[in-house]
Amino acid sequence: MTYEEYLDEVTTLITELYDLTDADAIKLVVRAQADEFFVAHDDHESMRTEERAMQDARTIYKQRKKTPLKK
């Protein structure tokens, strides 16, 4: 999948797994991007799998607890 499709997949999984709004899930993914969480994913297409998206969604959500989203 493309990098953009991968980010969409991670965002969708966050909304489905953790019952967050689309807006909050997008904020988490954008924050992860800003923190360079996805740099390797952009460079290596082989990292953009559904299984990896599930792992990344869980990791990004867990990081949310350390730095809550601003409303």
N, C-alpha and C. Protein backbone atom coordinates (compact mmCIF):
# COMPACT_ATOMS: atom_id res chain seq x y z
N MET A 1 0.84 -1.18 0.00
CA MET A 1 0.00 0.00 0.00
C MET A 1 0.89 1.24 0.00
N THR A 2 0.34 2.34 -0.43
CA THR A 2 1.12 3.57 -0.44
C THR A 2 1.28 4.08 0.99
N TYR A 3 2.16 5.03 1.15
CA TYR A 3 2.39 5.63 2.47
C TYR A 3 1.09 6.26 2.98
N GLU A 4 0.39 6.98 2.11
CA GLU A 4 -0.85 7.64 2.51
C GLU A 4 -1.91 6.62 2.89
N GLU A 5 -2.01 5.53 2.13
CA GLU A 5 -2.96 4.48 2.46
C GLU A 5 -2.61 3.84 3.80
N TYR A 6 -1.33 3.71 4.06
CA TYR A 6 -0.89 3.14 5.33
C TYR A 6 -1.32 4.03 6.50
N LEU A 7 -1.11 5.32 6.36
CA LEU A 7 -1.52 6.24 7.43
C LEU A 7 -3.03 6.19 7.62
N ASP A 8 -3.78 6.09 6.54
CA ASP A 8 -5.23 5.96 6.64
C ASP A 8 -5.62 4.67 7.38
N GLU A 9 -4.91 3.58 7.07
CA GLU A 9 -5.19 2.30 7.73
C GLU A 9 -4.92 2.39 9.23
N VAL A 10 -3.81 2.98 9.61
CA VAL A 10 -3.49 3.14 11.03
C VAL A 10 -4.56 4.00 11.71
N THR A 11 -4.96 5.07 11.07
CA THR A 11 -5.99 5.96 11.62
C THR A 11 -7.30 5.20 11.81
N THR A 12 -7.70 4.46 10.81
CA THR A 12 -8.95 3.68 10.88
C THR A 12 -8.88 2.66 12.01
N LEU A 13 -7.76 1.97 12.13
CA LEU A 13 -7.62 0.99 13.20
C LEU A 13 -7.72 1.64 14.58
N ILE A 14 -7.15 2.80 14.74
CA ILE A 14 -7.23 3.49 16.03
C ILE A 14 -8.69 3.80 16.36
N THR A 15 -9.46 4.26 15.38
CA THR A 15 -10.87 4.57 15.65
C THR A 15 -11.65 3.31 15.99
N GLU A 16 -11.33 2.21 15.32
CA GLU A 16 -12.06 0.96 15.55
C GLU A 16 -11.67 0.28 16.86
N LEU A 17 -10.39 0.26 17.16
CA LEU A 17 -9.91 -0.43 18.35
C LEU A 17 -10.20 0.32 19.64
N TYR A 18 -10.14 1.64 19.58
CA TYR A 18 -10.18 2.43 20.81
C TYR A 18 -11.36 3.38 20.88
N ASP A 19 -12.29 3.24 19.95
CA ASP A 19 -13.53 4.03 19.98
C ASP A 19 -13.24 5.53 20.09
N LEU A 20 -12.26 6.00 19.34
CA LEU A 20 -11.96 7.43 19.26
C LEU A 20 -12.65 8.01 18.05
N THR A 21 -12.87 9.30 18.08
CA THR A 21 -13.42 9.97 16.91
C THR A 21 -12.37 10.00 15.80
N ASP A 22 -12.83 10.20 14.58
CA ASP A 22 -11.90 10.33 13.47
C ASP A 22 -10.92 11.47 13.72
N ALA A 23 -11.44 12.58 14.22
CA ALA A 23 -10.60 13.75 14.47
C ALA A 23 -9.49 13.44 15.47
N ASP A 24 -9.82 12.73 16.55
CA ASP A 24 -8.80 12.40 17.55
C ASP A 24 -7.78 11.39 17.01
N ALA A 25 -8.24 10.44 16.23
CA ALA A 25 -7.32 9.47 15.63
C ALA A 25 -6.38 10.16 14.66
N ILE A 26 -6.91 11.09 13.89
CA ILE A 26 -6.07 11.85 12.95
C ILE A 26 -5.03 12.64 13.72
N LYS A 27 -5.42 13.25 14.82
CA LYS A 27 -4.46 14.01 15.64
C LYS A 27 -3.33 13.11 16.12
N LEU A 28 -3.67 11.89 16.54
CA LEU A 28 -2.64 10.97 17.01
C LEU A 28 -1.66 10.62 15.89
N VAL A 29 -2.19 10.35 14.71
CA VAL A 29 -1.34 9.97 13.59
C VAL A 29 -0.49 11.16 13.13
N VAL A 30 -1.07 12.34 13.11
CA VAL A 30 -0.31 13.54 12.72
C VAL A 30 0.80 13.79 13.74
N ARG A 31 0.50 13.62 15.02
CA ARG A 31 1.52 13.80 16.05
C ARG A 31 2.64 12.78 15.87
N ALA A 32 2.28 11.53 15.59
CA ALA A 32 3.29 10.50 15.37
C ALA A 32 4.15 10.84 14.15
N GLN A 33 3.52 11.37 13.12
CA GLN A 33 4.29 11.80 11.95
C GLN A 33 5.26 12.91 12.33
N ALA A 34 4.81 13.88 13.07
CA ALA A 34 5.66 14.99 13.49
C ALA A 34 6.83 14.50 14.35
N ASP A 35 6.59 13.45 15.10
CA ASP A 35 7.63 12.86 15.95
C ASP A 35 8.50 11.87 15.17
N GLU A 36 8.29 11.81 13.86
CA GLU A 36 9.07 10.97 12.93
C GLU A 36 8.88 9.47 13.17
N PHE A 37 7.74 9.10 13.70
CA PHE A 37 7.42 7.69 13.93
C PHE A 37 7.37 6.90 12.62
N PHE A 38 6.91 7.55 11.55
CA PHE A 38 6.68 6.85 10.28
C PHE A 38 7.79 7.04 9.25
N VAL A 39 8.92 7.60 9.61
CA VAL A 39 9.99 7.86 8.63
C VAL A 39 10.41 6.57 7.92
N ALA A 40 10.64 5.53 8.66
CA ALA A 40 11.07 4.27 8.03
C ALA A 40 9.98 3.70 7.13
N HIS A 41 8.73 3.88 7.51
CA HIS A 41 7.61 3.38 6.70
C HIS A 41 7.59 4.06 5.34
N ASP A 42 7.94 5.34 5.33
CA ASP A 42 7.96 6.10 4.08
C ASP A 42 9.06 5.57 3.17
N ASP A 43 10.18 5.20 3.76
CA ASP A 43 11.33 4.74 3.00
C ASP A 43 11.23 3.27 2.57
N HIS A 44 10.52 2.45 3.35
CA HIS A 44 10.50 1.01 3.10
C HIS A 44 9.06 0.50 2.96
N GLU A 45 8.67 0.31 1.73
CA GLU A 45 7.31 -0.15 1.45
C GLU A 45 6.97 -1.46 2.16
N SER A 46 7.97 -2.29 2.37
CA SER A 46 7.74 -3.59 3.01
C SER A 46 7.21 -3.44 4.45
N MET A 47 7.35 -2.28 5.04
CA MET A 47 6.86 -2.04 6.40
C MET A 47 5.37 -1.71 6.42
N ARG A 48 4.81 -1.42 5.25
CA ARG A 48 3.41 -0.98 5.18
C ARG A 48 2.48 -2.16 4.94
N THR A 49 2.30 -2.96 5.98
CA THR A 49 1.41 -4.12 5.92
C THR A 49 0.27 -3.93 6.91
N GLU A 50 -0.76 -4.73 6.74
CA GLU A 50 -1.90 -4.66 7.67
C GLU A 50 -1.48 -5.08 9.07
N GLU A 51 -0.62 -6.07 9.16
CA GLU A 51 -0.17 -6.52 10.48
C GLU A 51 0.63 -5.42 11.18
N ARG A 52 1.49 -4.77 10.43
CA ARG A 52 2.29 -3.67 11.00
C ARG A 52 1.40 -2.50 11.38
N ALA A 53 0.37 -2.23 10.58
CA ALA A 53 -0.56 -1.15 10.89
C ALA A 53 -1.23 -1.40 12.24
N MET A 54 -1.58 -2.65 12.50
CA MET A 54 -2.20 -3.00 13.79
C MET A 54 -1.22 -2.73 14.93
N GLN A 55 0.01 -3.15 14.78
CA GLN A 55 1.03 -2.90 15.80
C GLN A 55 1.24 -1.41 16.02
N ASP A 56 1.34 -0.67 14.92
CA ASP A 56 1.58 0.76 15.03
C ASP A 56 0.39 1.49 15.65
N ALA A 57 -0.82 1.06 15.33
CA ALA A 57 -2.00 1.68 15.93
C ALA A 57 -1.97 1.51 17.45
N ARG A 58 -1.62 0.33 17.90
CA ARG A 58 -1.54 0.07 19.35
C ARG A 58 -0.43 0.90 20.00
N THR A 59 0.72 0.97 19.35
CA THR A 59 1.84 1.75 19.88
C THR A 59 1.49 3.22 19.97
N ILE A 60 0.90 3.75 18.92
CA ILE A 60 0.55 5.18 18.90
C ILE A 60 -0.50 5.48 19.97
N TYR A 61 -1.47 4.59 20.14
CA TYR A 61 -2.47 4.80 21.17
C TYR A 61 -1.85 4.78 22.56
N LYS A 62 -0.94 3.86 22.81
CA LYS A 62 -0.27 3.79 24.12
C LYS A 62 0.52 5.06 24.39
N GLN A 63 1.14 5.63 23.37
CA GLN A 63 1.89 6.87 23.53
C GLN A 63 0.96 8.02 23.89
N ARG A 64 -0.29 7.93 23.49
CA ARG A 64 -1.30 8.95 23.80
C ARG A 64 -1.44 9.13 25.30
N LYS A 65 -1.33 8.04 26.03
CA LYS A 65 -1.48 8.11 27.48
C LYS A 65 -0.38 8.95 28.14
N LYS A 66 0.78 8.98 27.48
CA LYS A 66 1.89 9.77 28.01
C LYS A 66 1.70 11.25 27.74
N THR A 67 1.08 11.58 26.61
CA THR A 67 0.85 12.96 26.23
C THR A 67 -0.58 13.07 25.69
N PRO A 68 -1.55 13.35 26.55
CA PRO A 68 -2.95 13.40 26.12
C PRO A 68 -3.20 14.44 25.04
N LEU A 69 -4.21 14.18 24.23
CA LEU A 69 -4.59 15.12 23.17
C LEU A 69 -5.23 16.36 23.79
N LYS A 70 -4.97 17.48 23.14
CA LYS A 70 -5.61 18.72 23.55
C LYS A 70 -6.93 18.84 22.81
N LYS A 71 -7.91 19.30 23.48
CA LYS A 71 -9.26 19.46 22.89
C LYS A 71 -9.38 20.78 22.18
